Amino acid sequence: MEYIYRLHAIERMFQRDISEKQVEEVIENGEIIESYIDDKPYPSFLTLGNVDDIALHVVYAKDEEAKGSDPK
């Protein structure tokens, strides 16, 4: 799966010392706790995961038409 990070996300990750690996682990293994199906241009999801003994919330959007896209 390809991940594209917005500038806002990169800034927050830097401020909070959160790595891309940690974010991607939450997306891949965390629990979707809220779905925003009507978000545009793509549906988005609030996900909660525990990485390195830290609870992380990650909001991400998913292009369902992208190659290799596998909805949770």
PDB file of N, CA and C in Angstrom:
ATOM      1  N   MET A   1       0.846  -1.170   0.000  1.00  0.00           N
ATOM      2  CA  MET A   1       0.000   0.000   0.000  1.00  0.00           C
ATOM      3  C   MET A   1       0.896   1.240   0.000  1.00  0.00           C
ATOM      4  N   GLU A   2       0.496   2.239  -0.757  1.00  0.00           N
ATOM      5  CA  GLU A   2       1.239   3.491  -0.824  1.00  0.00           C
ATOM      6  C   GLU A   2       0.612   4.494   0.136  1.00  0.00           C
ATOM      7  N   TYR A   3       1.441   5.181   0.900  1.00  0.00           N
ATOM      8  CA  TYR A   3       0.967   6.196   1.832  1.00  0.00           C
ATOM      9  C   TYR A   3       1.452   7.553   1.360  1.00  0.00           C
ATOM     10  N   ILE A   4       0.560   8.520   1.374  1.00  0.00           N
ATOM     11  CA  ILE A   4       0.904   9.899   1.026  1.00  0.00           C
ATOM     12  C   ILE A   4       0.577  10.749   2.245  1.00  0.00           C
ATOM     13  N   TYR A   5       1.578  11.456   2.744  1.00  0.00           N
ATOM     14  CA  TYR A   5       1.410  12.262   3.945  1.00  0.00           C
ATOM     15  C   TYR A   5       1.226  13.727   3.577  1.00  0.00           C
ATOM     16  N   ARG A   6       0.205  14.343   4.144  1.00  0.00           N
ATOM     17  CA  ARG A   6      -0.017  15.776   3.967  1.00  0.00           C
ATOM     18  C   ARG A   6       0.957  16.538   4.851  1.00  0.00           C
ATOM     19  N   LEU A   7       1.228  17.780   4.479  1.00  0.00           N
ATOM     20  CA  LEU A   7       2.146  18.616   5.243  1.00  0.00           C
ATOM     21  C   LEU A   7       1.706  18.726   6.701  1.00  0.00           C
ATOM     22  N   HIS A   8       0.425  18.909   6.936  1.00  0.00           N
ATOM     23  CA  HIS A   8      -0.096  19.011   8.303  1.00  0.00           C
ATOM     24  C   HIS A   8       0.261  17.761   9.119  1.00  0.00           C
ATOM     25  N   ALA A   9       0.098  16.588   8.521  1.00  0.00           N
ATOM     26  CA  ALA A   9       0.412  15.336   9.220  1.00  0.00           C
ATOM     27  C   ALA A   9       1.904  15.254   9.526  1.00  0.00           C
ATOM     28  N   ILE A  10       2.734  15.628   8.580  1.00  0.00           N
ATOM     29  CA  ILE A  10       4.187  15.578   8.786  1.00  0.00           C
ATOM     30  C   ILE A  10       4.596  16.527   9.908  1.00  0.00           C
ATOM     31  N   GLU A  11       4.017  17.716   9.924  1.00  0.00           N
ATOM     32  CA  GLU A  11       4.327  18.676  10.995  1.00  0.00           C
ATOM     33  C   GLU A  11       3.953  18.116  12.360  1.00  0.00           C
ATOM     34  N   ARG A  12       2.756  17.521  12.481  1.00  0.00           N
ATOM     35  CA  ARG A  12       2.306  16.969  13.765  1.00  0.00           C
ATOM     36  C   ARG A  12       3.163  15.768  14.178  1.00  0.00           C
ATOM     37  N   MET A  13       3.507  14.933  13.216  1.00  0.00           N
ATOM     38  CA  MET A  13       4.356  13.779  13.520  1.00  0.00           C
ATOM     39  C   MET A  13       5.706  14.243  14.045  1.00  0.00           C
ATOM     40  N   PHE A  14       6.265  15.271  13.423  1.00  0.00           N
ATOM     41  CA  PHE A  14       7.551  15.816  13.868  1.00  0.00           C
ATOM     42  C   PHE A  14       7.431  16.390  15.278  1.00  0.00           C
ATOM     43  N   GLN A  15       6.384  17.173  15.527  1.00  0.00           N
ATOM     44  CA  GLN A  15       6.174  17.787  16.842  1.00  0.00           C
ATOM     45  C   GLN A  15       6.013  16.740  17.942  1.00  0.00           C
ATOM     46  N   ARG A  16       5.415  15.609  17.593  1.00  0.00           N
ATOM     47  CA  ARG A  16       5.095  14.582  18.593  1.00  0.00           C
ATOM     48  C   ARG A  16       6.041  13.397  18.554  1.00  0.00           C
ATOM     49  N   ASP A  17       7.080  13.488  17.722  1.00  0.00           N
ATOM     50  CA  ASP A  17       8.088  12.434  17.594  1.00  0.00           C
ATOM     51  C   ASP A  17       7.443  11.082  17.244  1.00  0.00           C
ATOM     52  N   ILE A  18       6.593  11.116  16.227  1.00  0.00           N
ATOM     53  CA  ILE A  18       5.913   9.914  15.751  1.00  0.00           C
ATOM     54  C   ILE A  18       6.459   9.586  14.361  1.00  0.00           C
ATOM     55  N   SER A  19       6.829   8.347  14.159  1.00  0.00           N
ATOM     56  CA  SER A  19       7.426   7.940  12.886  1.00  0.00           C
ATOM     57  C   SER A  19       6.370   7.472  11.880  1.00  0.00           C
ATOM     58  N   GLU A  20       6.759   7.450  10.610  1.00  0.00           N
ATOM     59  CA  GLU A  20       5.886   6.907   9.575  1.00  0.00           C
ATOM     60  C   GLU A  20       5.563   5.445   9.879  1.00  0.00           C
ATOM     61  N   LYS A  21       6.547   4.716  10.368  1.00  0.00           N
ATOM     62  CA  LYS A  21       6.333   3.304  10.700  1.00  0.00           C
ATOM     63  C   LYS A  21       5.230   3.145  11.745  1.00  0.00           C
ATOM     64  N   GLN A  22       5.228   4.002  12.756  1.00  0.00           N
ATOM     65  CA  GLN A  22       4.205   3.931  13.798  1.00  0.00           C
ATOM     66  C   GLN A  22       2.824   4.248  13.228  1.00  0.00           C
ATOM     67  N   VAL A  23       2.738   5.286  12.397  1.00  0.00           N
ATOM     68  CA  VAL A  23       1.467   5.657  11.782  1.00  0.00           C
ATOM     69  C   VAL A  23       0.943   4.513  10.923  1.00  0.00           C
ATOM     70  N   GLU A  24       1.808   3.953  10.109  1.00  0.00           N
ATOM     71  CA  GLU A  24       1.397   2.878   9.208  1.00  0.00           C
ATOM     72  C   GLU A  24       0.983   1.622   9.973  1.00  0.00           C
ATOM     73  N   GLU A  25       1.624   1.373  11.103  1.00  0.00           N
ATOM     74  CA  GLU A  25       1.232   0.233  11.934  1.00  0.00           C
ATOM     75  C   GLU A  25      -0.186   0.417  12.482  1.00  0.00           C
ATOM     76  N   VAL A  26      -0.519   1.646  12.884  1.00  0.00           N
ATOM     77  CA  VAL A  26      -1.872   1.922  13.377  1.00  0.00           C
ATOM     78  C   VAL A  26      -2.887   1.752  12.251  1.00  0.00           C
ATOM     79  N   ILE A  27      -2.564   2.251  11.059  1.00  0.00           N
ATOM     80  CA  ILE A  27      -3.485   2.110   9.929  1.00  0.00           C
ATOM     81  C   ILE A  27      -3.710   0.633   9.601  1.00  0.00           C
ATOM     82  N   GLU A  28      -2.651  -0.141   9.606  1.00  0.00           N
ATOM     83  CA  GLU A  28      -2.737  -1.548   9.199  1.00  0.00           C
ATOM     84  C   GLU A  28      -3.307  -2.458  10.279  1.00  0.00           C
ATOM     85  N   ASN A  29      -3.054  -2.138  11.558  1.00  0.00           N
ATOM     86  CA  ASN A  29      -3.428  -3.067  12.630  1.00  0.00           C
ATOM     87  C   ASN A  29      -4.361  -2.488  13.683  1.00  0.00           C
ATOM     88  N   GLY A  30      -4.615  -1.190  13.617  1.00  0.00           N
ATOM     89  CA  GLY A  30      -5.458  -0.549  14.621  1.00  0.00           C
ATOM     90  C   GLY A  30      -6.926  -0.820  14.384  1.00  0.00           C
ATOM     91  N   GLU A  31      -7.735  -0.286  15.263  1.00  0.00           N
ATOM     92  CA  GLU A  31      -9.190  -0.458  15.201  1.00  0.00           C
ATOM     93  C   GLU A  31      -9.829   0.828  14.679  1.00  0.00           C
ATOM     94  N   ILE A  32     -10.642   0.709  13.650  1.00  0.00           N
ATOM     95  CA  ILE A  32     -11.376   1.864  13.150  1.00  0.00           C
ATOM     96  C   ILE A  32     -12.465   2.170  14.168  1.00  0.00           C
ATOM     97  N   ILE A  33     -12.411   3.370  14.741  1.00  0.00           N
ATOM     98  CA  ILE A  33     -13.392   3.735  15.759  1.00  0.00           C
ATOM     99  C   ILE A  33     -14.410   4.738  15.230  1.00  0.00           C
ATOM    100  N   GLU A  34     -14.156   5.305  14.064  1.00  0.00           N
ATOM    101  CA  GLU A  34     -15.116   6.220  13.442  1.00  0.00           C
ATOM    102  C   GLU A  34     -14.871   6.214  11.941  1.00  0.00           C
ATOM    103  N   SER A  35     -15.942   6.169  11.167  1.00  0.00           N
ATOM    104  CA  SER A  35     -15.850   6.211   9.701  1.00  0.00           C
ATOM    105  C   SER A  35     -16.564   7.449   9.199  1.00  0.00           C
ATOM    106  N   TYR A  36     -15.927   8.121   8.259  1.00  0.00           N
ATOM    107  CA  TYR A  36     -16.496   9.314   7.628  1.00  0.00           C
ATOM    108  C   TYR A  36     -16.633   9.014   6.136  1.00  0.00           C
ATOM    109  N   ILE A  37     -17.605   8.201   5.819  1.00  0.00           N
ATOM    110  CA  ILE A  37     -17.788   7.679   4.463  1.00  0.00           C
ATOM    111  C   ILE A  37     -18.072   8.780   3.450  1.00  0.00           C
ATOM    112  N   ASP A  38     -18.723   9.856   3.874  1.00  0.00           N
ATOM    113  CA  ASP A  38     -19.092  10.922   2.952  1.00  0.00           C
ATOM    114  C   ASP A  38     -18.012  11.976   2.767  1.00  0.00           C
ATOM    115  N   ASP A  39     -16.858  11.829   3.409  1.00  0.00           N
ATOM    116  CA  ASP A  39     -15.762  12.792   3.211  1.00  0.00           C
ATOM    117  C   ASP A  39     -15.339  12.804   1.754  1.00  0.00           C
ATOM    118  N   LYS A  40     -14.926  13.963   1.290  1.00  0.00           N
ATOM    119  CA  LYS A  40     -14.473  14.128  -0.089  1.00  0.00           C
ATOM    120  C   LYS A  40     -13.034  14.604  -0.088  1.00  0.00           C
ATOM    121  N   PRO A  41     -12.211  14.183  -1.001  1.00  0.00           N
ATOM    122  CA  PRO A  41     -12.545  13.364  -2.155  1.00  0.00           C
ATOM    123  C   PRO A  41     -12.592  11.863  -1.857  1.00  0.00           C
ATOM    124  N   TYR A  42     -12.170  11.444  -0.650  1.00  0.00           N
ATOM    125  CA  TYR A  42     -12.162  10.016  -0.317  1.00  0.00           C
ATOM    126  C   TYR A  42     -12.748   9.808   1.079  1.00  0.00           C
ATOM    127  N   PRO A  43     -13.327   8.650   1.320  1.00  0.00           N
ATOM    128  CA  PRO A  43     -13.784   8.335   2.679  1.00  0.00           C
ATOM    129  C   PRO A  43     -12.587   8.365   3.644  1.00  0.00           C
ATOM    130  N   SER A  44     -12.828   8.769   4.887  1.00  0.00           N
ATOM    131  CA  SER A  44     -11.735   8.780   5.857  1.00  0.00           C
ATOM    132  C   SER A  44     -12.147   8.031   7.116  1.00  0.00           C
ATOM    133  N   PHE A  45     -11.141   7.707   7.916  1.00  0.00           N
ATOM    134  CA  PHE A  45     -11.338   6.850   9.075  1.00  0.00           C
ATOM    135  C   PHE A  45     -10.481   7.328  10.238  1.00  0.00           C
ATOM    136  N   LEU A  46     -11.043   7.288  11.430  1.00  0.00           N
ATOM    137  CA  LEU A  46     -10.303   7.544  12.658  1.00  0.00           C
ATOM    138  C   LEU A  46      -9.956   6.183  13.239  1.00  0.00           C
ATOM    139  N   THR A  47      -8.681   5.945  13.407  1.00  0.00           N
ATOM    140  CA  THR A  47      -8.197   4.642  13.852  1.00  0.00           C
ATOM    141  C   THR A  47      -7.410   4.797  15.148  1.00  0.00           C
ATOM    142  N   LEU A  48      -7.570   3.842  16.038  1.00  0.00           N
ATOM    143  CA  LEU A  48      -6.837   3.817  17.300  1.00  0.00           C
ATOM    144  C   LEU A  48      -5.966   2.583  17.329  1.00  0.00           C
ATOM    145  N   GLY A  49      -4.708   2.796  17.681  1.00  0.00           N
ATOM    146  CA  GLY A  49      -3.788   1.674  17.809  1.00  0.00           C
ATOM    147  C   GLY A  49      -2.817   1.920  18.940  1.00  0.00           C
ATOM    148  N   ASN A  50      -2.188   0.866  19.398  1.00  0.00           N
ATOM    149  CA  ASN A  50      -1.199   0.950  20.456  1.00  0.00           C
ATOM    150  C   ASN A  50       0.144   0.535  19.872  1.00  0.00           C
ATOM    151  N   VAL A  51       1.071   1.484  19.812  1.00  0.00           N
ATOM    152  CA  VAL A  51       2.375   1.240  19.208  1.00  0.00           C
ATOM    153  C   VAL A  51       3.450   1.666  20.201  1.00  0.00           C
ATOM    154  N   ASP A  52       4.372   0.762  20.490  1.00  0.00           N
ATOM    155  CA  ASP A  52       5.467   1.069  21.418  1.00  0.00           C
ATOM    156  C   ASP A  52       4.929   1.608  22.745  1.00  0.00           C
ATOM    157  N   ASP A  53       3.858   0.988  23.232  1.00  0.00           N
ATOM    158  CA  ASP A  53       3.208   1.363  24.493  1.00  0.00           C
ATOM    159  C   ASP A  53       2.645   2.778  24.487  1.00  0.00           C
ATOM    160  N   ILE A  54       2.320   3.281  23.295  1.00  0.00           N
ATOM    161  CA  ILE A  54       1.711   4.600  23.149  1.00  0.00           C
ATOM    162  C   ILE A  54       0.409   4.429  22.376  1.00  0.00           C
ATOM    163  N   ALA A  55      -0.673   4.994  22.909  1.00  0.00           N
ATOM    164  CA  ALA A  55      -1.943   4.979  22.186  1.00  0.00           C
ATOM    165  C   ALA A  55      -1.908   6.086  21.141  1.00  0.00           C
ATOM    166  N   LEU A  56      -2.139   5.722  19.882  1.00  0.00           N
ATOM    167  CA  LEU A  56      -2.123   6.695  18.797  1.00  0.00           C
ATOM    168  C   LEU A  56      -3.451   6.695  18.057  1.00  0.00           C
ATOM    169  N   HIS A  57      -3.960   7.894  17.794  1.00  0.00           N
ATOM    170  CA  HIS A  57      -5.108   8.071  16.913  1.00  0.00           C
ATOM    171  C   HIS A  57      -4.566   8.539  15.572  1.00  0.00           C
ATOM    172  N   VAL A  58      -5.036   7.923  14.508  1.00  0.00           N
ATOM    173  CA  VAL A  58      -4.629   8.310  13.159  1.00  0.00           C
ATOM    174  C   VAL A  58      -5.882   8.490  12.326  1.00  0.00           C
ATOM    175  N   VAL A  59      -5.973   9.633  11.643  1.00  0.00           N
ATOM    176  CA  VAL A  59      -7.052   9.856  10.689  1.00  0.00           C
ATOM    177  C   VAL A  59      -6.432   9.735   9.304  1.00  0.00           C
ATOM    178  N   TYR A  60      -7.045   8.905   8.481  1.00  0.00           N
ATOM    179  CA  TYR A  60      -6.527   8.737   7.124  1.00  0.00           C
ATOM    180  C   TYR A  60      -7.675   8.605   6.139  1.00  0.00           C
ATOM    181  N   ALA A  61      -7.388   8.961   4.898  1.00  0.00           N
ATOM    182  CA  ALA A  61      -8.363   8.810   3.819  1.00  0.00           C
ATOM    183  C   ALA A  61      -7.889   7.677   2.927  1.00  0.00           C
ATOM    184  N   LYS A  62      -8.853   7.034   2.283  1.00  0.00           N
ATOM    185  CA  LYS A  62      -8.509   5.867   1.481  1.00  0.00           C
ATOM    186  C   LYS A  62      -9.138   5.972   0.100  1.00  0.00           C
ATOM    187  N   ASP A  63      -8.284   5.871  -0.922  1.00  0.00           N
ATOM    188  CA  ASP A  63      -8.744   5.851  -2.301  1.00  0.00           C
ATOM    189  C   ASP A  63      -9.072   4.396  -2.636  1.00  0.00           C
ATOM    190  N   GLU A  64     -10.345   4.049  -2.593  1.00  0.00           N
ATOM    191  CA  GLU A  64     -10.774   2.659  -2.806  1.00  0.00           C
ATOM    192  C   GLU A  64     -10.470   2.168  -4.210  1.00  0.00           C
ATOM    193  N   GLU A  65     -10.263   3.071  -5.155  1.00  0.00           N
ATOM    194  CA  GLU A  65      -9.989   2.686  -6.536  1.00  0.00           C
ATOM    195  C   GLU A  65      -8.502   2.511  -6.812  1.00  0.00           C
ATOM    196  N   ALA A  66      -7.656   2.866  -5.853  1.00  0.00           N
ATOM    197  CA  ALA A  66      -6.215   2.763  -6.052  1.00  0.00           C
ATOM    198  C   ALA A  66      -5.798   1.309  -6.146  1.00  0.00           C
ATOM    199  N   LYS A  67      -4.808   1.059  -6.955  1.00  0.00           N
ATOM    200  CA  LYS A  67      -4.276  -0.291  -7.114  1.00  0.00           C
ATOM    201  C   LYS A  67      -3.758  -0.788  -5.772  1.00  0.00           C
ATOM    202  N   GLY A  68      -4.126  -2.002  -5.413  1.00  0.00           N
ATOM    203  CA  GLY A  68      -3.656  -2.597  -4.166  1.00  0.00           C
ATOM    204  C   GLY A  68      -4.428  -2.153  -2.950  1.00  0.00           C
ATOM    205  N   SER A  69      -5.502  -1.404  -3.138  1.00  0.00           N
ATOM    206  CA  SER A  69      -6.295  -0.939  -2.018  1.00  0.00           C
ATOM    207  C   SER A  69      -7.091  -2.108  -1.442  1.00  0.00           C
ATOM    208  N   ASP A  70      -6.975  -2.303  -0.139  1.00  0.00           N
ATOM    209  CA  ASP A  70      -7.665  -3.407   0.518  1.00  0.00           C
ATOM    210  C   ASP A  70      -8.395  -2.858   1.738  1.00  0.00           C
ATOM    211  N   PRO A  71      -9.692  -2.572   1.623  1.00  0.00           N
ATOM    212  CA  PRO A  71     -10.423  -2.012   2.751  1.00  0.00           C
ATOM    213  C   PRO A  71     -10.401  -2.929   3.956  1.00  0.00           C
ATOM    214  N   LYS A  72     -10.343  -2.350   5.135  1.00  0.00           N
ATOM    215  CA  LYS A  72     -10.379  -3.125   6.380  1.00  0.00           C
ATOM    216  C   LYS A  72     -11.758  -3.676   6.601  1.00  0.00           C
TER     217      LYS A  72
END
